[in-house]
N, C-alpha and C. Protein backbone atom coordinates (compact mmCIF):
# COMPACT_ATOMS: atom_id res chain seq x y z
N MET A 1 25.50 -13.80 -2.73
CA MET A 1 24.54 -12.85 -3.22
C MET A 1 25.17 -12.17 -4.58
N ARG A 2 24.31 -12.15 -5.59
CA ARG A 2 24.78 -11.43 -6.74
C ARG A 2 23.95 -10.29 -7.16
N ALA A 3 24.51 -9.33 -7.80
CA ALA A 3 23.77 -8.08 -8.17
C ALA A 3 24.35 -7.69 -9.52
N VAL A 4 23.57 -6.87 -10.21
CA VAL A 4 23.94 -6.35 -11.50
C VAL A 4 24.11 -4.87 -11.47
N ARG A 5 25.09 -4.25 -11.90
CA ARG A 5 25.33 -2.79 -11.94
C ARG A 5 25.38 -2.38 -13.32
N ILE A 6 24.51 -1.40 -13.73
CA ILE A 6 24.54 -0.82 -15.05
C ILE A 6 25.38 0.42 -15.03
N THR A 7 26.29 0.51 -15.89
CA THR A 7 27.15 1.70 -15.97
C THR A 7 26.60 2.79 -16.88
N ASN A 8 27.25 3.90 -16.85
CA ASN A 8 26.74 5.02 -17.80
C ASN A 8 27.01 4.72 -19.28
N THR A 9 27.92 3.72 -19.50
CA THR A 9 28.20 3.37 -20.91
C THR A 9 27.28 2.30 -21.40
N GLY A 10 26.34 1.78 -20.54
CA GLY A 10 25.45 0.81 -21.01
C GLY A 10 25.94 -0.60 -20.70
N LYS A 11 27.12 -0.73 -20.05
CA LYS A 11 27.69 -2.06 -19.72
C LYS A 11 27.03 -2.47 -18.42
N ALA A 12 26.82 -3.91 -18.33
CA ALA A 12 26.23 -4.48 -17.15
C ALA A 12 27.35 -5.28 -16.57
N ASP A 13 27.58 -4.90 -15.24
CA ASP A 13 28.62 -5.68 -14.50
C ASP A 13 27.94 -6.53 -13.44
N VAL A 14 28.30 -7.82 -13.40
CA VAL A 14 27.72 -8.70 -12.51
C VAL A 14 28.66 -8.66 -11.27
N LEU A 15 28.12 -8.43 -10.04
CA LEU A 15 28.88 -8.27 -8.85
C LEU A 15 28.55 -9.45 -7.99
N ALA A 16 29.49 -10.17 -7.39
CA ALA A 16 29.28 -11.24 -6.48
C ALA A 16 29.75 -10.70 -5.09
N MET A 17 28.84 -10.93 -4.17
CA MET A 17 29.11 -10.33 -2.75
C MET A 17 28.95 -11.44 -1.84
N ARG A 18 29.73 -11.33 -0.88
CA ARG A 18 29.69 -12.33 0.23
C ARG A 18 29.63 -11.72 1.61
N ILE A 19 28.60 -12.05 2.36
CA ILE A 19 28.34 -11.48 3.56
C ILE A 19 29.00 -12.33 4.76
N PRO A 20 30.01 -11.89 5.39
CA PRO A 20 30.62 -12.70 6.40
C PRO A 20 29.72 -12.91 7.59
N SER A 21 29.78 -14.04 8.14
CA SER A 21 28.87 -14.35 9.29
C SER A 21 29.69 -14.11 10.59
N LYS A 22 29.12 -13.28 11.49
CA LYS A 22 29.84 -13.07 12.73
C LYS A 22 29.52 -14.19 13.71
N VAL A 23 28.30 -14.74 13.48
CA VAL A 23 27.76 -15.68 14.43
C VAL A 23 28.32 -17.06 14.04
N GLY A 24 28.44 -17.35 12.78
CA GLY A 24 28.94 -18.68 12.23
C GLY A 24 27.64 -19.52 11.99
N GLY A 25 27.72 -20.19 10.92
CA GLY A 25 26.57 -21.10 10.65
C GLY A 25 25.37 -20.34 9.93
N PHE A 26 24.17 -20.85 10.06
CA PHE A 26 23.09 -20.19 9.39
C PHE A 26 22.61 -19.01 10.21
N ASN A 27 22.22 -17.96 9.51
CA ASN A 27 21.64 -16.73 10.29
C ASN A 27 20.39 -16.26 9.46
N GLU A 28 19.18 -16.40 10.28
CA GLU A 28 17.97 -16.17 9.65
C GLU A 28 17.69 -14.74 9.26
N GLU A 29 18.52 -13.85 9.78
CA GLU A 29 18.31 -12.35 9.46
C GLU A 29 18.62 -12.03 7.94
N TYR A 30 19.41 -12.95 7.29
CA TYR A 30 19.76 -12.69 5.88
C TYR A 30 18.67 -13.16 4.98
N TYR A 31 17.66 -13.92 5.37
CA TYR A 31 16.69 -14.47 4.58
C TYR A 31 15.21 -13.96 5.02
N PRO A 32 14.70 -12.99 4.34
CA PRO A 32 13.27 -12.51 4.71
C PRO A 32 12.34 -13.51 4.31
N ALA A 33 11.10 -13.36 4.94
CA ALA A 33 9.99 -14.35 4.67
C ALA A 33 9.55 -14.12 3.22
N PHE A 34 9.12 -15.28 2.61
CA PHE A 34 8.74 -15.24 1.14
C PHE A 34 7.48 -16.02 1.03
N PRO A 35 6.74 -15.81 -0.11
CA PRO A 35 5.52 -16.59 -0.34
C PRO A 35 5.87 -18.03 -0.42
N GLY A 36 5.14 -18.88 0.30
CA GLY A 36 5.33 -20.34 0.37
C GLY A 36 4.65 -21.08 -0.76
N ASN A 37 4.78 -22.43 -0.68
CA ASN A 37 4.33 -23.37 -1.63
C ASN A 37 2.99 -23.97 -1.31
N GLU A 38 2.31 -23.34 -0.16
CA GLU A 38 1.00 -23.90 0.18
C GLU A 38 -0.08 -22.83 -0.28
N ALA A 39 -1.15 -23.32 -0.73
CA ALA A 39 -2.25 -22.43 -1.14
C ALA A 39 -2.88 -21.77 0.13
N SER A 40 -3.17 -20.47 0.04
CA SER A 40 -3.74 -19.78 1.12
C SER A 40 -5.19 -19.77 1.00
N SER A 41 -5.79 -20.14 -0.18
CA SER A 41 -7.14 -20.11 -0.49
C SER A 41 -7.52 -21.14 -1.47
N THR A 42 -8.77 -21.29 -1.81
CA THR A 42 -9.23 -22.26 -2.82
C THR A 42 -9.46 -21.59 -4.07
N ALA A 43 -9.46 -22.26 -5.14
CA ALA A 43 -9.83 -21.61 -6.38
C ALA A 43 -11.30 -21.13 -6.37
N GLU A 44 -12.16 -21.85 -5.73
CA GLU A 44 -13.54 -21.40 -5.65
C GLU A 44 -13.65 -20.10 -4.99
N ALA A 45 -13.01 -20.01 -3.87
CA ALA A 45 -12.99 -18.86 -3.02
C ALA A 45 -12.47 -17.56 -3.84
N TRP A 46 -11.40 -17.88 -4.57
CA TRP A 46 -10.78 -16.77 -5.26
C TRP A 46 -11.67 -16.32 -6.45
N CYS A 47 -12.37 -17.33 -7.10
CA CYS A 47 -13.35 -16.96 -8.11
C CYS A 47 -14.51 -16.06 -7.63
N ASN A 48 -14.79 -16.34 -6.41
CA ASN A 48 -15.96 -15.57 -5.75
C ASN A 48 -15.43 -14.20 -5.30
N GLY A 49 -14.21 -13.87 -5.49
CA GLY A 49 -13.80 -12.58 -5.17
C GLY A 49 -13.08 -12.45 -3.85
N ASN A 50 -12.80 -13.49 -3.12
CA ASN A 50 -12.14 -13.40 -1.85
C ASN A 50 -10.65 -13.46 -2.15
N ASP A 51 -9.90 -12.24 -1.73
CA ASP A 51 -8.55 -12.07 -2.00
C ASP A 51 -7.89 -12.39 -0.68
N VAL A 52 -6.99 -13.29 -0.53
CA VAL A 52 -6.28 -13.54 0.67
C VAL A 52 -4.84 -13.51 0.45
N ASP A 53 -4.04 -12.91 1.38
CA ASP A 53 -2.61 -12.80 1.22
C ASP A 53 -2.05 -14.24 1.33
N ALA A 54 -0.87 -14.34 0.50
CA ALA A 54 -0.11 -15.60 0.48
C ALA A 54 0.36 -15.94 1.86
N LYS A 55 0.46 -17.29 2.14
CA LYS A 55 1.12 -17.80 3.36
C LYS A 55 2.61 -17.54 3.23
N LEU A 56 3.18 -17.05 4.22
CA LEU A 56 4.69 -16.86 4.14
C LEU A 56 5.46 -17.96 4.78
N MET A 57 6.62 -18.16 4.24
CA MET A 57 7.65 -19.11 4.81
C MET A 57 8.90 -18.43 5.23
N LYS A 58 9.61 -19.06 6.17
CA LYS A 58 10.90 -18.52 6.62
C LYS A 58 11.87 -19.63 6.51
N LEU A 59 13.07 -19.44 6.09
CA LEU A 59 14.06 -20.40 6.20
C LEU A 59 14.61 -20.52 7.56
N THR A 60 14.88 -21.73 8.00
CA THR A 60 15.48 -22.00 9.28
C THR A 60 16.66 -23.00 9.12
N ALA A 61 17.44 -23.07 10.24
CA ALA A 61 18.55 -23.98 10.15
C ALA A 61 18.19 -25.42 10.33
N GLN A 62 16.98 -25.64 10.81
CA GLN A 62 16.54 -26.98 11.04
C GLN A 62 15.99 -27.64 9.73
N LYS A 63 16.42 -28.89 9.51
CA LYS A 63 15.95 -29.47 8.33
C LYS A 63 14.59 -30.21 8.62
N VAL A 64 13.51 -29.90 7.72
CA VAL A 64 12.29 -30.44 7.95
C VAL A 64 12.01 -31.54 6.91
N VAL A 65 11.59 -32.65 7.39
CA VAL A 65 11.41 -33.83 6.48
C VAL A 65 9.93 -34.17 6.49
N LYS A 66 9.30 -34.01 5.40
CA LYS A 66 7.88 -34.48 5.31
C LYS A 66 7.79 -35.95 5.16
N GLN A 67 6.91 -36.51 5.99
CA GLN A 67 6.62 -37.95 5.88
C GLN A 67 5.65 -38.28 4.83
N LYS A 68 5.81 -39.32 4.13
CA LYS A 68 4.83 -39.73 3.03
C LYS A 68 3.63 -40.37 3.80
N LYS A 69 2.47 -40.13 3.18
CA LYS A 69 1.25 -40.58 3.82
C LYS A 69 0.92 -41.89 3.18
């Protein structure tokens, strides 16, 4: 994880942080849900004024492989 700290002198310091894992391996707690890459509505519905929240995704330790159709 990286962060930027702005000092009183106007200098920007880039900080690199590392969170040690007590469990080992992947830990889902470190990765909050985020807007996914699937549409939650259609363009037509949006143009008609329907506002829908984005579909959220979560990172997991399992590898998901999409099969080609």
